[in-house]
Amino acid sequence: MDLPWGDEKTVKFVTNVGLITSDGPNGPNIQSAEWTHHISYSPGLIAVCLGRDRTTRENILATKEFGVSLAATDQNIMASVAGGSHGKDVDKISALKELGFKFYRAKEIKALMVEGAVLNAECKVAKVIELGDHTMFVGEVLAATAGNKEPLVYHSLTFRKPGEVVQKPAEKELERIKKLTEKFRKSG
């Protein structure tokens, strides 16, 4: 069964908005990628999934490195520009600079990084996996910095701000849950 983009089932996922930067045979580029995931603490690994026709994918395959910037809520225009056109047709970095967005040179990789992002991580490719109609790049983090802004969220084909905090269960309820899980602990 396919789960196409924009389908009523696929829009139920809630994701961050990754801004993936690269600099390779196609020149400096940036693309939005909602499938951007932190997948390991030690070593620090981040996975990004990119469509097979993407300029950023070609750059990463050639250079074996990429930047990951998690967009902040005030970077929704940047995310729209980064995801709304193809890097072979548009110099998105120059367009974004013209709009007032800023970049800085990464320390460990050639790609630019997004100034003011929630997180900036410089990655070298640890693994490339072809999955369905996308390529997953698993990057080992070489350097990272975190900001204090709120992350931009993507859900139901729209950008959103994080919502109200839902409290964890109260201590008394947590104790009840712990006793219940102990009661049903599997032996073996």
Protein backbone atom coordinates (compact mmCIF):
# COMPACT_ATOMS: atom_id res chain seq x y z
CA MET A 1 0.00 0.00 0.00
CA ASP A 2 1.27 3.48 -0.81
CA LEU A 3 1.02 6.38 1.62
CA PRO A 4 1.29 9.39 -0.73
CA TRP A 5 2.27 12.91 0.26
CA GLY A 6 -0.75 14.90 1.44
CA ASP A 7 -2.94 11.81 1.96
CA GLU A 8 -5.36 11.98 4.90
CA LYS A 9 -3.30 9.29 6.65
CA THR A 10 0.15 10.77 6.08
CA VAL A 11 -0.82 14.22 7.34
CA LYS A 12 -1.45 12.76 10.81
CA PHE A 13 2.29 12.64 11.52
CA VAL A 14 3.81 15.52 13.47
CA THR A 15 7.38 16.35 12.52
CA ASN A 16 10.05 18.96 12.96
CA VAL A 17 11.27 20.95 9.96
CA GLY A 18 14.84 20.10 9.07
CA LEU A 19 16.78 22.49 6.86
CA ILE A 20 19.40 20.32 5.18
CA THR A 21 22.42 22.15 3.78
CA SER A 22 25.04 20.87 1.38
CA ASP A 23 27.75 22.12 -0.95
CA GLY A 24 28.85 19.88 -3.77
CA PRO A 25 28.72 19.57 -7.53
CA ASN A 26 25.46 21.54 -7.60
CA GLY A 27 26.88 24.34 -5.43
CA PRO A 28 25.59 25.46 -2.03
CA ASN A 29 22.02 24.34 -1.41
CA ILE A 30 19.33 24.09 1.25
CA GLN A 31 16.22 21.93 1.33
CA SER A 32 13.41 21.38 3.81
CA ALA A 33 13.06 17.83 5.10
CA GLU A 34 10.34 16.88 7.53
CA TRP A 35 11.90 13.44 7.95
CA THR A 36 14.83 14.54 10.08
CA HIS A 37 15.45 12.39 13.14
CA HIS A 38 17.92 12.05 16.00
CA ILE A 39 18.55 8.29 16.09
CA SER A 40 21.50 7.69 18.47
CA TYR A 41 23.04 9.39 21.50
CA SER A 42 26.44 7.69 21.33
CA PRO A 43 27.68 8.22 18.79
CA GLY A 44 25.42 11.13 17.92
CA LEU A 45 23.57 10.15 14.74
CA ILE A 46 20.95 12.03 12.75
CA ALA A 47 18.97 10.52 9.85
CA VAL A 48 17.51 12.56 7.03
CA CYS A 49 15.34 11.14 4.25
CA LEU A 50 15.50 12.90 0.89
CA GLY A 51 13.66 12.31 -2.38
CA ARG A 52 15.76 10.71 -5.08
CA ASP A 53 15.44 13.69 -7.44
CA ARG A 54 16.83 16.22 -4.95
CA THR A 55 19.87 18.41 -5.54
CA THR A 56 20.83 18.06 -1.88
CA ARG A 57 20.87 14.27 -2.27
CA GLU A 58 23.30 14.56 -5.20
CA ASN A 59 25.53 16.93 -3.23
CA ILE A 60 25.60 14.61 -0.21
CA LEU A 61 26.36 11.52 -2.29
CA ALA A 62 29.33 13.38 -3.82
CA THR A 63 30.73 14.99 -0.63
CA LYS A 64 29.66 12.54 2.12
CA GLU A 65 28.64 15.42 4.41
CA PHE A 66 25.67 17.65 5.20
CA GLY A 67 24.33 20.15 7.69
CA VAL A 68 21.14 19.79 9.69
CA SER A 69 19.43 22.92 11.03
CA LEU A 70 16.12 22.51 12.83
CA ALA A 71 13.97 25.47 11.84
CA ALA A 72 12.70 27.87 14.49
CA THR A 73 9.16 29.25 14.45
CA ASP A 74 10.43 32.52 12.95
CA GLN A 75 11.97 30.63 10.01
CA ASN A 76 8.75 29.46 8.33
CA ILE A 77 9.48 31.60 5.25
CA MET A 78 12.95 30.08 5.04
CA ALA A 79 11.45 26.59 5.23
CA SER A 80 8.97 27.46 2.48
CA VAL A 81 11.70 28.75 0.16
CA ALA A 82 13.96 25.78 0.96
CA GLY A 83 11.19 23.30 0.20
CA GLY A 84 9.32 25.14 -2.52
CA SER A 85 11.80 24.98 -5.38
CA HIS A 86 14.50 22.77 -6.82
CA GLY A 87 18.17 23.58 -6.23
CA LYS A 88 19.02 23.01 -9.89
CA ASP A 89 16.58 25.75 -10.88
CA VAL A 90 16.97 28.29 -8.05
CA ASP A 91 19.90 29.58 -6.00
CA LYS A 92 17.95 29.25 -2.76
CA ILE A 93 20.85 30.41 -0.57
CA SER A 94 21.06 33.74 -2.45
CA ALA A 95 17.27 34.15 -2.43
CA LEU A 96 17.19 33.57 1.34
CA LYS A 97 20.02 36.04 1.93
CA GLU A 98 18.07 38.61 -0.10
CA LEU A 99 15.11 37.97 2.21
CA GLY A 100 17.32 38.76 5.22
CA PHE A 101 18.19 35.26 6.42
CA LYS A 102 21.74 34.61 7.55
CA PHE A 103 24.11 31.71 7.25
CA TYR A 104 27.52 30.96 8.68
CA ARG A 105 30.40 28.73 7.62
CA ALA A 106 30.45 25.34 9.33
CA LYS A 107 33.60 24.36 11.21
CA GLU A 108 33.85 20.68 10.22
CA ILE A 109 32.11 20.52 6.82
CA LYS A 110 31.98 22.69 3.69
CA ALA A 111 28.22 23.43 3.82
CA LEU A 112 26.73 26.61 5.26
CA MET A 113 24.69 26.46 8.47
CA VAL A 114 21.50 28.39 9.28
CA GLU A 115 21.92 31.23 11.76
CA GLY A 116 19.19 31.35 14.42
CA ALA A 117 18.09 27.72 14.06
CA VAL A 118 16.97 25.68 17.06
CA LEU A 119 19.79 23.19 16.40
CA ASN A 120 22.72 23.14 13.99
CA ALA A 121 24.56 19.85 13.46
CA GLU A 122 27.45 19.24 11.09
CA CYS A 123 27.40 15.64 9.87
CA LYS A 124 29.55 13.22 7.93
CA VAL A 125 27.74 10.36 6.21
CA ALA A 126 27.92 7.13 8.20
CA LYS A 127 25.42 5.16 6.12
CA VAL A 128 23.28 5.53 2.99
CA ILE A 129 20.11 3.45 2.75
CA GLU A 130 17.74 3.38 -0.22
CA LEU A 131 14.21 3.09 1.18
CA GLY A 132 11.16 3.17 -1.10
CA ASP A 133 11.15 6.46 -3.00
CA HIS A 134 13.64 8.17 -0.64
CA THR A 135 17.28 7.90 0.36
CA MET A 136 18.10 7.90 4.07
CA PHE A 137 21.40 9.47 5.01
CA VAL A 138 22.61 8.63 8.49
CA GLY A 139 25.07 11.28 9.56
CA GLU A 140 27.50 11.16 12.45
CA VAL A 141 27.50 14.51 14.19
CA LEU A 142 30.93 16.19 14.11
CA ALA A 143 29.87 19.47 15.75
CA ALA A 144 26.57 20.82 17.07
CA THR A 145 25.13 23.93 18.68
CA ALA A 146 21.69 24.54 20.16
CA GLY A 147 19.71 27.75 20.38
CA ASN A 148 16.86 28.65 22.69
CA LYS A 149 14.07 29.32 20.17
CA GLU A 150 10.94 27.20 19.76
CA PRO A 151 11.06 24.64 16.93
CA LEU A 152 8.85 24.91 13.89
CA VAL A 153 6.45 21.96 13.69
CA TYR A 154 4.81 20.47 10.58
CA HIS A 155 1.39 18.81 10.79
CA SER A 156 -1.61 18.51 8.42
CA LEU A 157 0.33 20.28 5.64
CA THR A 158 0.84 23.38 7.82
CA PHE A 159 3.57 24.92 9.92
CA ARG A 160 2.76 25.22 13.62
CA LYS A 161 4.22 26.31 16.92
CA PRO A 162 4.55 23.73 19.70
CA GLY A 163 1.36 23.64 21.70
CA GLU A 164 0.37 23.34 25.32
CA VAL A 165 2.44 21.08 27.55
CA VAL A 166 0.64 17.87 28.49
CA GLN A 167 1.72 16.85 31.97
CA LYS A 168 3.11 13.41 32.70
CA PRO A 169 1.03 11.28 35.07
CA ALA A 170 1.13 12.34 38.73
CA GLU A 171 3.55 10.53 41.07
CA LYS A 172 0.74 8.46 42.58
CA GLU A 173 -0.35 7.29 39.11
CA LEU A 174 3.26 6.51 38.16
CA GLU A 175 3.56 4.30 41.26
CA ARG A 176 0.34 2.49 40.32
CA ILE A 177 1.66 1.93 36.78
CA LYS A 178 4.98 0.65 38.13
CA LYS A 179 3.18 -1.89 40.38
CA LEU A 180 1.00 -2.98 37.49
CA THR A 181 3.95 -3.52 35.14
CA GLU A 182 5.76 -5.49 37.87
CA LYS A 183 2.64 -7.66 38.25
CA PHE A 184 2.81 -8.52 34.55
CA ARG A 185 6.61 -8.86 34.27
CA LYS A 186 7.54 -11.80 32.04
CA SER A 187 9.81 -14.41 33.54
CA GLY A 188 12.56 -15.84 31.53
